[in-house]
Amino acid sequence: MRTATLGPAERTEALAAMAERELDVLVVGAGVVGAGTVLDAATRGLSTGLVEARDWASGTSSRSSKLIHGGLRYLEMLDFALVREALKERGLLLERLAPHLVKPVPFLYPLQHKGWERLYAGSGVALYDAMSVSSGHGRGLPVHRHLTRRHALRVAPALRKDALVGALQYYDAQMDDARFVANLVRTAASYGAHVANGARVTGFLREGERVVGARVQDVEGGAEYEIRAKQVVNATGVWTDDTQALIGERGQFHVRASKGIHLVVPKDRIHSSTGLILRTEKSVLFVIPWGRHWIIGTTDTDWDLDKAHPAASSADIDYLLERVNSVLNTPLGRDDVEGVYAGLRPLLAGESDATSKLSREHTVAHPAPGLVVVAGGKYTTYRVMAKDAVDEAVHALDRRVADCVTEDIPLLGAEGYRALWNARARIADRTGLHVARVEHLLNRYGSMTEELLELVKGDASLGEPLAGAEDYLRAEVVYAASHEGARHLDDVLTRRTRISIETFDRGTRCARECADLMAQVLGWDTDRIEREVEHYRKRVEAERESQRQPDDLTADAARLGAPDIVPR
């Protein structure tokens, strides 16, 4: 199978191809669900297109807790079906679909009460492990273990002695959410899907009551396209209601946004060899290992302001610091925070209180002939959501369509990853890169690492790290623009890499170097480079200012002080 390249020329060709002839399925929205849907449709042999107004995963799907998990807390709610489904998907991703992107991660659950809590929580974690194994895809993770307080403090010395009487340790999995979505999109393109970011749906095409396609604007070049399709799938997450409004149809359900924020702190600020999961009065708090950093989150508050750039307020940050500091020996302060990001969960809200319980389930509807809507759910079960959406769409096609096969379709980079991992020392010797660099590339690109090494072979300077963001090589910036569809500087600094949350300067030190590298691929002149760098700096300034504000209203106003580089 060929590896799709998503450069500027391929984007132009994709838009032209979608407008040239009627598609079987057009998917609107390139978050994890939309990306999964286009892969599902393409691998069933359907002619398929994907359009995204901004960038791959630019909304919710790049701002999650970056966990692939069964949802241990849903066991407490007795939602066994959701947990079982998610655990099966976790196993598939770890073992077969994306072993280069999805990795095991340990969590320590401190016990605060003797006797009953160990029995209660231990029973839940034991059931969690048993359900994982029974799914047929859960044997790759260690089983949970019970720890005394002394043992728990050896594993996590950062914890205060009075914060626990013992602990449980169990395993889940994690990934880079934005990278995962970009990989999904490229995999779909490799199977023949036409994909374009920076392509906004401005309206739907109608023939009587039937939706027969969409009007799409190229927000980069300004051109308008009419893309016709037998079925259109609305997979726009928290924008679902806005997209539905374009056809003037009242949906069968509504999607509301819940804001969750996360903090990123350096690894040395919390002395622990394991992640932590802590109870709060409303939910749970995670402290998640993230390379040379920790991610701390999350919150859960209603949000009805700007959906494109949800803002973290000072109160949000204080809430997380207060909760995590309640168990730490050495408290964290504002100066320890490298990065902050806020995301919106799409939660289903029905016509009555009774249907609001659907919040973490997903649903698929056919509100108008030719239009399918998929919404809700959780990141881990994206593949099931995509299957259900395509199943609904193909009912209306006038021919037999193959069943879903994505359970057996590895993402790009998965095939050969383990063999290359075993050969990483030899790759380091051959290329002159440190073995840690090779490991970094393999865990981000899998077997596609060879494509980056070819870039370095052609230009040795691309094998050097970025100044001010030494975890990343210069080649990764070039590759993002030439192969992964990055169109703007913030696409690279916030999603293709995570420099914007992993450095105290939020990526401003390396912004010029990255823009210069992108310019070689995208044909930017000096003025365009300056505009990209200035826009990014203003974005960082606006985010910092929003994080100093006391509440959502003032934080939102501050964040909107930096407009998008292209109107969307």
Protein backbone atom coordinates (compact mmCIF):
# COMPACT_ATOMS: atom_id res chain seq x y z
CA MET A 1 0.00 0.00 0.00
CA ARG A 2 1.29 3.44 -0.87
CA THR A 3 1.89 6.01 1.85
CA ALA A 4 -0.21 9.07 1.09
CA THR A 5 1.53 12.43 0.98
CA LEU A 6 -0.60 15.40 2.10
CA GLY A 7 1.32 18.35 0.72
CA PRO A 8 -0.02 21.54 -0.92
CA ALA A 9 -0.36 19.97 -4.38
CA GLU A 10 -2.23 16.94 -3.04
CA ARG A 11 -4.67 19.21 -1.19
CA THR A 12 -5.47 21.15 -4.37
CA GLU A 13 -5.92 17.90 -6.29
CA ALA A 14 -8.21 16.50 -3.59
CA LEU A 15 -10.56 19.51 -3.70
CA ALA A 16 -10.72 19.36 -7.50
CA ALA A 17 -11.38 15.60 -7.45
CA MET A 18 -14.20 15.94 -4.91
CA ALA A 19 -15.90 18.58 -7.06
CA GLU A 20 -15.41 16.64 -10.29
CA ARG A 21 -17.72 13.68 -9.67
CA GLU A 22 -20.29 12.59 -7.13
CA LEU A 23 -18.92 10.82 -4.06
CA ASP A 24 -20.57 7.98 -2.22
CA VAL A 25 -19.82 9.60 1.16
CA LEU A 26 -18.65 13.09 2.12
CA VAL A 27 -17.52 13.50 5.73
CA VAL A 28 -17.56 16.95 7.32
CA GLY A 29 -15.15 17.45 10.23
CA ALA A 30 -11.68 15.96 10.77
CA GLY A 31 -11.60 15.22 14.43
CA VAL A 32 -11.02 11.64 15.48
CA VAL A 33 -14.59 10.59 14.62
CA GLY A 34 -14.60 12.23 11.18
CA ALA A 35 -11.14 10.84 10.40
CA GLY A 36 -12.23 7.40 11.56
CA THR A 37 -15.40 7.63 9.45
CA VAL A 38 -13.56 8.49 6.25
CA LEU A 39 -11.17 5.57 6.83
CA ASP A 40 -14.09 3.21 7.46
CA ALA A 41 -15.90 4.32 4.30
CA ALA A 42 -12.79 4.22 2.12
CA THR A 43 -11.87 0.71 3.25
CA ARG A 44 -15.36 -0.53 2.33
CA GLY A 45 -14.65 0.45 -1.26
CA LEU A 46 -16.73 3.65 -1.22
CA SER A 47 -15.62 6.82 -3.00
CA THR A 48 -15.08 9.12 -0.06
CA GLY A 49 -14.15 12.72 0.73
CA LEU A 50 -13.26 14.59 3.92
CA VAL A 51 -13.35 18.37 4.44
CA GLU A 52 -12.24 20.24 7.55
CA ALA A 53 -12.64 23.98 8.08
CA ARG A 54 -9.44 24.35 10.07
CA ASP A 55 -6.78 21.67 10.64
CA TRP A 56 -6.88 17.97 11.43
CA ALA A 57 -7.87 17.59 15.10
CA SER A 58 -7.88 21.36 15.63
CA GLY A 59 -10.81 21.12 18.05
CA THR A 60 -11.52 18.59 20.79
CA SER A 61 -9.34 15.84 19.32
CA SER A 62 -6.05 17.63 20.00
CA ARG A 63 -6.98 18.82 23.50
CA SER A 64 -7.90 15.65 25.35
CA SER A 65 -6.23 13.89 28.27
CA LYS A 66 -4.42 11.83 25.60
CA LEU A 67 -5.60 8.57 27.11
CA ILE A 68 -6.89 5.44 25.43
CA HIS A 69 -8.80 3.87 28.29
CA GLY A 70 -11.81 1.82 29.23
CA GLY A 71 -13.12 4.43 31.62
CA LEU A 72 -12.57 2.88 35.04
CA ARG A 73 -14.98 5.34 36.67
CA TYR A 74 -17.82 4.19 34.38
CA LEU A 75 -17.72 0.84 36.17
CA GLU A 76 -18.82 2.69 39.28
CA MET A 77 -21.78 3.99 37.25
CA LEU A 78 -22.50 0.35 36.25
CA ASP A 79 -22.04 1.21 32.56
CA PHE A 80 -20.50 -2.17 31.80
CA ALA A 81 -21.28 -2.11 28.08
CA LEU A 82 -19.37 1.16 27.52
CA VAL A 83 -16.37 -0.08 29.51
CA ARG A 84 -16.29 -3.44 27.72
CA GLU A 85 -16.47 -1.75 24.32
CA ALA A 86 -13.72 0.73 25.19
CA LEU A 87 -11.43 -1.98 26.60
CA LYS A 88 -11.75 -3.99 23.38
CA GLU A 89 -10.80 -0.89 21.36
CA ARG A 90 -7.87 -0.17 23.70
CA GLY A 91 -6.55 -3.67 23.10
CA LEU A 92 -6.97 -3.46 19.32
CA LEU A 93 -5.04 -0.19 19.20
CA LEU A 94 -2.22 -1.44 21.42
CA GLU A 95 -1.78 -4.80 19.72
CA ARG A 96 -2.77 -4.39 16.09
CA LEU A 97 -3.94 -1.04 14.79
CA ALA A 98 -1.43 1.48 16.15
CA PRO A 99 1.29 -0.03 18.39
CA HIS A 100 3.64 2.79 17.34
CA LEU A 101 1.26 5.47 18.62
CA VAL A 102 -0.59 3.87 21.57
CA LYS A 103 1.50 2.90 24.61
CA PRO A 104 0.80 1.36 28.03
CA VAL A 105 0.89 3.74 30.99
CA PRO A 106 0.72 2.83 34.73
CA PHE A 107 -1.52 4.66 37.22
CA LEU A 108 -1.40 4.64 41.00
CA TYR A 109 -4.68 5.03 42.88
CA PRO A 110 -3.99 6.13 46.48
CA LEU A 111 -6.29 4.59 49.08
CA GLN A 112 -7.38 6.90 51.88
CA HIS A 113 -9.43 4.50 54.03
CA LYS A 114 -8.39 1.21 55.55
CA GLY A 115 -10.27 -1.99 54.90
CA TRP A 116 -13.42 -1.28 52.90
CA GLU A 117 -11.83 1.00 50.26
CA ARG A 118 -9.20 -1.55 49.26
CA LEU A 119 -11.93 -4.18 48.89
CA TYR A 120 -14.24 -1.81 46.98
CA ALA A 121 -11.66 -0.26 44.66
CA GLY A 122 -9.73 -3.52 44.30
CA SER A 123 -12.88 -5.32 43.14
CA GLY A 124 -13.46 -2.63 40.53
CA VAL A 125 -9.92 -2.78 39.15
CA ALA A 126 -10.00 -6.59 39.14
CA LEU A 127 -13.23 -6.47 37.12
CA TYR A 128 -11.60 -3.91 34.79
CA ASP A 129 -8.69 -6.28 34.10
CA ALA A 130 -11.00 -9.27 33.70
CA MET A 131 -13.19 -7.42 31.18
CA SER A 132 -10.06 -6.41 29.28
CA VAL A 133 -8.85 -10.01 28.98
CA SER A 134 -12.32 -11.31 28.12
CA SER A 135 -12.47 -8.86 25.20
CA GLY A 136 -9.79 -10.97 23.53
CA HIS A 137 -7.43 -8.01 23.20
CA GLY A 138 -6.24 -7.30 26.73
CA ARG A 139 -3.33 -9.62 27.34
CA GLY A 140 -0.68 -7.05 26.44
CA LEU A 141 -0.98 -5.04 29.67
CA PRO A 142 0.20 -6.02 33.17
CA VAL A 143 -2.57 -6.80 35.65
CA HIS A 144 -3.25 -4.54 38.61
CA ARG A 145 -1.44 -4.97 41.93
CA HIS A 146 -2.08 -4.01 45.54
CA LEU A 147 0.60 -1.90 47.27
CA THR A 148 1.25 -1.10 50.89
CA ARG A 149 1.80 2.54 51.78
CA ARG A 150 5.56 1.97 52.01
CA HIS A 151 5.67 0.35 48.57
CA ALA A 152 3.45 3.06 47.06
CA LEU A 153 5.78 5.77 48.37
CA ARG A 154 8.76 4.01 46.79
CA VAL A 155 6.92 4.03 43.44
CA ALA A 156 5.70 7.63 43.88
CA PRO A 157 7.94 9.47 46.41
CA ALA A 158 6.21 12.75 45.50
CA LEU A 159 3.14 11.73 47.52
CA ARG A 160 2.63 12.96 51.06
CA LYS A 161 2.67 10.15 53.61
CA ASP A 162 -0.66 11.27 55.05
CA ALA A 163 -2.29 11.25 51.62
CA LEU A 164 -2.67 7.47 51.50
CA VAL A 165 -2.86 4.32 53.60
CA GLY A 166 -2.02 2.08 50.64
CA ALA A 167 -2.58 2.03 46.90
CA LEU A 168 -3.60 0.13 43.79
CA GLN A 169 -1.64 0.26 40.56
CA TYR A 170 -3.22 -0.58 37.21
CA TYR A 171 -2.50 0.06 33.52
CA ASP A 172 -4.24 1.95 30.74
CA ALA A 173 -2.83 3.44 27.54
CA GLN A 174 -2.01 6.83 26.04
CA MET A 175 -1.25 8.48 22.71
CA ASP A 176 -0.61 11.87 21.13
CA ASP A 177 -4.20 12.66 20.14
CA ALA A 178 -3.48 15.14 17.34
CA ARG A 179 -0.80 12.91 15.80
CA PHE A 180 -3.19 9.97 15.95
CA VAL A 181 -5.84 11.88 13.97
CA ALA A 182 -3.35 13.09 11.35
CA ASN A 183 -2.27 9.48 10.96
CA LEU A 184 -5.89 8.35 10.54
CA VAL A 185 -6.41 10.93 7.79
CA ARG A 186 -3.25 9.87 5.94
CA THR A 187 -4.24 6.22 6.23
CA ALA A 188 -7.65 7.01 4.70
CA ALA A 189 -5.95 8.93 1.87
CA SER A 190 -3.73 5.91 1.26
CA TYR A 191 -6.89 3.89 0.63
CA GLY A 192 -8.14 6.42 -1.92
CA ALA A 193 -10.04 9.00 0.15
CA HIS A 194 -9.82 12.64 -0.96
CA VAL A 195 -9.00 14.84 2.05
CA ALA A 196 -8.62 18.61 2.47
CA ASN A 197 -8.14 20.81 5.51
CA GLY A 198 -8.77 24.56 5.35
CA ALA A 199 -12.00 23.72 3.51
CA ARG A 200 -15.14 25.03 5.20
CA VAL A 201 -18.70 23.91 4.52
CA THR A 202 -20.79 27.04 3.96
CA GLY A 203 -24.05 25.29 3.10
CA PHE A 204 -25.63 22.06 1.96
CA LEU A 205 -26.87 21.23 -1.52
CA ARG A 206 -30.53 20.18 -1.59
CA GLU A 207 -32.84 18.52 -4.05
CA GLY A 208 -36.24 18.83 -2.42
CA GLU A 209 -35.89 17.44 1.08
CA ARG A 210 -32.76 15.49 0.24
CA VAL A 211 -29.22 16.61 1.04
CA VAL A 212 -27.08 15.85 -2.02
CA GLY A 213 -23.76 17.46 -1.08
CA ALA A 214 -22.16 20.59 0.30
CA ARG A 215 -20.86 23.98 -0.75
CA VAL A 216 -17.25 24.20 0.36
CA GLN A 217 -14.98 27.24 0.50
CA ASP A 218 -11.22 26.92 0.27
CA VAL A 219 -10.36 29.30 3.11
CA GLU A 220 -6.75 29.46 1.91
CA GLY A 221 -7.38 30.41 -1.71
CA GLY A 222 -10.98 31.61 -1.61
CA ALA A 223 -12.31 29.27 -4.31
CA GLU A 224 -15.80 27.79 -3.93
CA TYR A 225 -16.63 24.17 -4.70
CA GLU A 226 -19.85 22.23 -5.00
CA ILE A 227 -19.16 18.70 -3.77
CA ARG A 228 -21.96 16.25 -4.48
CA ALA A 229 -22.37 13.06 -2.48
CA LYS A 230 -24.98 10.33 -2.08
CA GLN A 231 -24.57 10.62 1.69
CA VAL A 232 -23.08 13.39 3.85
CA VAL A 233 -21.86 12.60 7.38
CA ASN A 234 -21.82 15.44 9.90
CA ALA A 235 -19.00 14.62 12.35
CA THR A 236 -18.32 18.10 13.66
CA GLY A 237 -18.36 17.43 17.41
CA VAL A 238 -19.18 20.51 19.45
CA TRP A 239 -20.10 22.27 16.19
CA THR A 240 -22.82 19.68 15.42
CA ASP A 241 -25.72 22.02 16.12
CA ASP A 242 -24.12 24.82 14.07
CA THR A 243 -23.63 22.48 11.11
CA GLN A 244 -27.19 21.19 11.42
CA ALA A 245 -28.45 24.77 11.33
CA LEU A 246 -27.11 25.10 7.77
CA ILE A 247 -29.94 22.87 6.55
CA GLY A 248 -32.54 24.43 8.82
CA GLU A 249 -33.40 21.10 10.39
CA ARG A 250 -34.07 20.72 14.10
CA GLY A 251 -31.91 17.88 15.33
CA GLN A 252 -33.19 14.85 17.22
CA PHE A 253 -30.63 15.66 19.90
CA HIS A 254 -28.38 18.54 20.83
CA VAL A 255 -24.69 18.68 21.61
CA ARG A 256 -23.47 20.86 24.44
CA ALA A 257 -19.87 21.69 25.21
CA SER A 258 -18.10 20.87 28.46
CA LYS A 259 -14.73 22.51 28.99
CA GLY A 260 -11.78 20.55 30.32
CA ILE A 261 -8.39 22.13 30.95
CA HIS A 262 -4.98 20.52 31.45
CA LEU A 263 -1.66 21.75 32.82
CA VAL A 264 1.76 20.58 31.64
CA VAL A 265 4.70 20.62 34.07
CA PRO A 266 8.29 19.33 33.74
CA LYS A 267 8.98 15.75 34.75
CA ASP A 268 11.32 16.77 37.58
CA ARG A 269 8.58 18.69 39.40
CA ILE A 270 6.83 15.46 40.45
CA HIS A 271 9.05 12.60 41.63
CA SER A 272 7.20 9.47 40.53
CA SER A 273 7.68 6.47 38.26
CA THR A 274 3.94 6.13 37.68
CA GLY A 275 0.95 8.23 36.76
CA LEU A 276 -1.63 9.07 39.42
CA ILE A 277 -5.42 8.98 39.48
CA LEU A 278 -7.02 10.95 42.29
CA ARG A 279 -10.64 11.31 43.34
CA THR A 280 -12.16 14.79 43.36
CA GLU A 281 -15.57 15.88 44.62
CA LYS A 282 -16.97 15.69 41.08
CA SER A 283 -14.87 13.21 39.13
CA VAL A 284 -11.23 12.13 38.97
CA LEU A 285 -7.94 13.93 38.44
CA PHE A 286 -5.15 12.41 36.36
CA VAL A 287 -1.42 13.06 36.60
CA ILE A 288 -0.20 11.51 33.36
CA PRO A 289 3.41 10.79 32.29
CA TRP A 290 4.12 12.62 29.02
CA GLY A 291 7.70 12.22 27.83
CA ARG A 292 9.77 14.68 29.83
CA HIS A 293 6.61 16.20 31.29
CA TRP A 294 3.44 15.52 33.26
CA ILE A 295 -0.09 16.34 32.13
CA ILE A 296 -2.48 17.25 34.96
CA GLY A 297 -6.21 17.32 34.33
CA THR A 298 -9.02 17.75 33.95
CA THR A 299 -11.92 20.06 34.78
CA ASP A 300 -15.53 19.68 33.67
CA THR A 301 -17.51 22.90 33.35
CA ASP A 302 -20.21 24.12 30.96
CA TRP A 303 -18.99 26.31 28.11
CA ASP A 304 -21.16 28.38 25.77
CA LEU A 305 -18.59 30.88 24.47
CA ASP A 306 -16.17 30.66 21.51
CA LYS A 307 -15.85 27.03 20.42
CA ALA A 308 -12.73 27.40 18.29
CA HIS A 309 -10.52 28.73 21.07
CA PRO A 310 -11.83 27.73 24.50
CA ALA A 311 -9.91 29.60 27.17
CA ALA A 312 -8.50 28.45 30.50
CA SER A 313 -9.07 31.01 33.24
CA SER A 314 -7.00 31.67 36.33
CA ALA A 315 -9.70 29.95 38.38
CA ASP A 316 -9.37 26.78 36.27
CA ILE A 317 -5.62 26.67 36.79
CA ASP A 318 -5.93 27.30 40.53
CA TYR A 319 -8.49 24.49 40.81
CA LEU A 320 -6.12 21.91 39.30
CA LEU A 321 -3.12 23.10 41.29
CA GLU A 322 -5.11 23.01 44.52
CA ARG A 323 -6.34 19.46 43.86
CA VAL A 324 -2.98 18.00 42.89
CA ASN A 325 -1.13 19.84 45.67
CA SER A 326 -3.40 18.21 48.25
CA VAL A 327 -1.42 14.98 47.81
CA LEU A 328 2.08 16.24 46.89
CA ASN A 329 5.05 16.65 49.23
CA THR A 330 6.32 19.63 47.26
CA PRO A 331 3.45 21.80 46.00
CA LEU A 332 3.36 23.04 42.43
CA GLY A 333 3.10 26.76 41.74
CA ARG A 334 2.21 28.86 38.71
CA ASP A 335 5.91 29.13 37.82
CA ASP A 336 6.08 25.35 37.39
CA VAL A 337 3.46 25.36 34.62
CA GLU A 338 4.97 25.08 31.14
CA GLY A 339 1.77 24.76 29.19
CA VAL A 340 -1.99 25.03 29.54
CA TYR A 341 -4.59 23.82 27.09
CA ALA A 342 -8.38 23.79 27.08
CA GLY A 343 -10.66 21.52 25.10
CA LEU A 344 -14.40 21.01 24.73
CA ARG A 345 -16.10 17.63 25.12
CA PRO A 346 -19.16 17.10 22.93
CA LEU A 347 -21.84 15.86 25.31
CA LEU A 348 -25.24 14.71 24.13
CA ALA A 349 -28.20 16.57 25.58
CA GLY A 350 -31.68 15.31 24.72
CA GLU A 351 -35.08 16.93 24.91
CA SER A 352 -35.46 16.06 28.60
CA ASP A 353 -33.45 15.31 31.72
CA ALA A 354 -33.92 11.60 31.10
CA THR A 355 -31.88 11.70 27.89
CA SER A 356 -29.03 13.71 29.37
CA LYS A 357 -27.64 10.45 30.75
CA LEU A 358 -26.41 9.78 27.19
CA SER A 359 -23.58 12.23 27.81
CA ARG A 360 -20.66 9.80 27.28
CA GLU A 361 -22.53 7.49 24.90
CA HIS A 362 -22.64 8.24 21.21
CA THR A 363 -25.56 8.37 18.86
CA VAL A 364 -26.15 8.30 15.12
CA ALA A 365 -29.17 9.88 13.44
CA HIS A 366 -30.54 10.50 9.96
CA PRO A 367 -32.26 13.90 10.42
CA ALA A 368 -32.80 14.43 6.69
CA PRO A 369 -32.52 12.17 3.62
CA GLY A 370 -28.88 12.11 2.56
CA LEU A 371 -27.53 13.43 5.88
CA VAL A 372 -26.17 11.34 8.77
CA VAL A 373 -25.13 12.87 12.10
CA VAL A 374 -22.78 11.18 14.57
CA ALA A 375 -22.04 12.79 17.93
CA GLY A 376 -21.07 12.20 21.55
CA GLY A 377 -18.89 9.30 22.60
CA LYS A 378 -15.30 9.22 23.76
CA TYR A 379 -11.97 9.22 21.94
CA THR A 380 -11.21 5.57 22.65
CA THR A 381 -14.34 4.33 20.86
CA TYR A 382 -13.92 6.46 17.72
CA ARG A 383 -13.74 3.36 15.50
CA VAL A 384 -17.11 2.07 16.75
CA MET A 385 -18.67 5.50 16.21
CA ALA A 386 -17.26 5.60 12.68
CA LYS A 387 -18.61 2.11 11.93
CA ASP A 388 -22.07 3.05 13.16
CA ALA A 389 -22.07 6.25 11.07
CA VAL A 390 -21.06 4.44 7.87
CA ASP A 391 -23.52 1.61 8.57
CA GLU A 392 -26.27 4.23 8.76
CA ALA A 393 -25.10 5.94 5.57
CA VAL A 394 -24.90 2.77 3.45
CA HIS A 395 -28.51 1.86 4.22
CA ALA A 396 -29.48 4.59 1.77
CA LEU A 397 -27.09 3.56 -0.99
CA ASP A 398 -28.62 1.59 -3.84
CA ARG A 399 -26.09 -1.24 -3.79
CA ARG A 400 -24.62 -3.77 -1.45
CA VAL A 401 -21.66 -2.41 0.50
CA ALA A 402 -19.06 -4.48 2.36
CA ASP A 403 -19.10 -4.67 6.14
CA CYS A 404 -16.66 -2.66 8.27
CA VAL A 405 -13.07 -3.96 8.12
CA THR A 406 -11.21 -1.35 10.19
CA GLU A 407 -10.69 -3.84 13.01
CA ASP A 408 -8.06 -5.38 10.73
CA ILE A 409 -6.62 -2.23 9.09
CA PRO A 410 -3.38 -1.07 10.80
CA LEU A 411 -2.71 2.65 10.60
CA LEU A 412 0.20 3.89 8.55
CA GLY A 413 3.46 3.24 10.35
CA ALA A 414 2.20 0.20 12.25
CA GLU A 415 3.39 -2.44 9.77
CA GLY A 416 7.05 -3.15 10.45
CA TYR A 417 7.20 -0.90 13.51
CA ARG A 418 8.23 -3.65 15.93
CA ALA A 419 10.97 -4.91 13.60
CA LEU A 420 12.38 -1.39 13.27
CA TRP A 421 12.15 -0.91 17.04
CA ASN A 422 14.24 -4.03 17.52
CA ALA A 423 16.75 -2.63 15.01
CA ARG A 424 16.88 0.87 16.51
CA ALA A 425 20.53 0.57 17.58
CA ARG A 426 21.55 -0.36 14.03
CA ILE A 427 19.48 2.50 12.63
CA ALA A 428 21.28 4.87 14.99
CA ASP A 429 24.67 3.57 13.82
CA ARG A 430 23.65 3.89 10.18
CA THR A 431 22.26 7.41 10.43
CA GLY A 432 24.55 8.92 13.05
CA LEU A 433 21.55 9.87 15.20
CA HIS A 434 21.52 9.06 18.90
CA VAL A 435 19.44 5.97 19.65
CA ALA A 436 17.11 8.12 21.78
CA ARG A 437 16.38 10.21 18.68
CA VAL A 438 15.57 7.09 16.69
CA GLU A 439 13.22 5.91 19.45
CA HIS A 440 11.52 9.31 19.45
CA LEU A 441 10.92 9.08 15.69
CA LEU A 442 9.72 5.47 15.80
CA ASN A 443 7.17 6.30 18.51
CA ARG A 444 5.80 9.17 16.44
CA TYR A 445 6.00 7.85 12.88
CA GLY A 446 6.47 4.09 13.17
CA SER A 447 7.82 2.59 9.97
CA MET A 448 7.34 5.97 8.25
CA THR A 449 10.47 7.00 10.16
CA GLU A 450 12.39 5.92 7.07
CA GLU A 451 10.78 8.81 5.17
CA LEU A 452 12.16 11.30 7.69
CA LEU A 453 15.57 9.66 7.60
CA GLU A 454 15.57 10.12 3.82
CA LEU A 455 15.06 13.86 4.37
CA VAL A 456 18.03 13.92 6.75
CA LYS A 457 20.11 11.94 4.27
CA GLY A 458 19.43 14.62 1.64
CA ASP A 459 20.12 17.52 4.02
CA ALA A 460 22.17 16.75 7.13
CA SER A 461 21.02 19.99 8.82
CA LEU A 462 17.54 18.47 9.13
CA GLY A 463 18.98 15.93 11.56
CA GLU A 464 19.71 18.72 14.03
CA PRO A 465 17.28 19.56 16.88
CA LEU A 466 15.23 22.75 16.84
CA ALA A 467 16.80 25.55 18.87
CA GLY A 468 14.64 26.03 21.95
CA ALA A 469 12.70 22.78 21.40
CA GLU A 470 15.45 20.18 21.43
CA ASP A 471 13.10 17.19 21.67
CA TYR A 472 12.19 17.65 17.99
CA LEU A 473 14.32 17.47 14.85
CA ARG A 474 14.21 20.07 12.10
CA ALA A 475 13.16 17.29 9.70
CA GLU A 476 9.89 16.89 11.58
CA VAL A 477 8.84 20.43 10.68
CA VAL A 478 9.59 19.90 7.00
CA TYR A 479 7.79 16.55 7.03
CA ALA A 480 4.72 18.10 8.70
CA ALA A 481 4.36 20.54 5.80
CA SER A 482 5.28 18.15 3.00
CA HIS A 483 3.52 14.96 4.15
CA GLU A 484 1.04 15.71 6.96
CA GLY A 485 -0.99 18.64 5.67
CA ALA A 486 0.39 21.39 7.95
CA ARG A 487 -0.53 24.75 6.39
CA HIS A 488 0.39 27.21 9.14
CA LEU A 489 2.99 27.66 11.84
CA ASP A 490 0.54 26.94 14.64
CA ASP A 491 -0.41 23.65 12.91
CA VAL A 492 3.18 22.54 13.50
CA LEU A 493 3.79 24.03 16.93
CA THR A 494 0.47 22.97 18.49
CA ARG A 495 -0.51 19.73 16.70
CA ARG A 496 2.20 18.08 14.53
CA THR A 497 4.50 18.67 17.49
CA ARG A 498 3.44 19.68 21.02
CA ILE A 499 6.04 22.44 21.40
CA SER A 500 3.34 24.97 22.35
CA ILE A 501 2.66 23.14 25.64
CA GLU A 502 6.06 21.55 26.28
CA THR A 503 8.24 24.66 26.56
CA PHE A 504 8.02 27.56 28.99
CA ASP A 505 8.15 30.05 26.10
CA ARG A 506 5.25 28.17 24.44
CA GLY A 507 7.25 27.78 21.22
CA THR A 508 8.06 31.42 20.51
CA ARG A 509 11.85 30.82 20.55
CA CYS A 510 11.74 28.33 17.70
CA ALA A 511 8.87 29.94 15.77
CA ARG A 512 11.11 31.70 13.25
CA GLU A 513 13.22 28.61 12.60
CA CYS A 514 10.08 26.51 12.05
CA ALA A 515 8.56 29.10 9.72
CA ASP A 516 11.75 29.21 7.66
CA LEU A 517 11.66 25.41 7.32
CA MET A 518 7.99 25.38 6.33
CA ALA A 519 8.61 28.13 3.79
CA GLN A 520 10.82 25.78 1.78
CA VAL A 521 7.88 23.41 1.28
CA LEU A 522 4.97 25.85 1.09
CA GLY A 523 6.68 28.54 -0.99
CA TRP A 524 6.33 31.33 1.57
CA ASP A 525 8.08 34.63 0.90
CA THR A 526 9.65 36.82 3.61
CA ASP A 527 6.40 38.70 4.25
CA ARG A 528 4.46 35.49 4.74
CA ILE A 529 7.09 34.14 7.15
CA GLU A 530 6.87 37.35 9.20
CA ARG A 531 3.08 37.17 9.24
CA GLU A 532 3.05 33.55 10.43
CA VAL A 533 5.56 34.25 13.22
CA GLU A 534 3.76 37.40 14.35
CA HIS A 535 0.42 35.63 14.37
CA TYR A 536 1.81 32.84 16.49
CA ARG A 537 3.34 35.26 18.99
CA LYS A 538 0.04 37.10 19.30
CA ARG A 539 -1.72 33.80 19.87
CA VAL A 540 0.65 32.95 22.72
CA GLU A 541 0.23 36.43 24.24
CA ALA A 542 -3.56 36.13 24.08
CA GLU A 543 -3.50 32.69 25.70
CA ARG A 544 -1.23 33.90 28.49
CA GLU A 545 -3.51 36.90 29.08
CA SER A 546 -6.61 34.69 29.16
CA GLN A 547 -4.98 32.50 31.81
CA ARG A 548 -4.60 35.54 34.05
CA GLN A 549 -8.32 36.34 33.92
CA PRO A 550 -10.62 35.42 36.81
CA ASP A 551 -13.49 33.75 34.92
CA ASP A 552 -14.68 32.33 31.61
CA LEU A 553 -16.13 35.56 30.23
CA THR A 554 -12.97 37.60 30.70
CA ALA A 555 -10.72 34.72 29.65
CA ASP A 556 -12.72 34.23 26.43
CA ALA A 557 -12.51 37.96 25.62
CA ALA A 558 -8.75 37.95 26.16
CA ARG A 559 -8.19 34.84 24.00
CA LEU A 560 -10.20 36.34 21.13
CA GLY A 561 -7.71 39.21 21.06
CA ALA A 562 -5.63 37.10 18.65
CA PRO A 563 -7.61 36.38 15.46
CA ASP A 564 -6.96 33.36 13.25
CA ILE A 565 -4.36 33.88 10.55
CA VAL A 566 -7.03 33.15 7.95
CA PRO A 567 -10.70 33.89 8.67
CA ARG A 568 -12.56 30.65 9.37
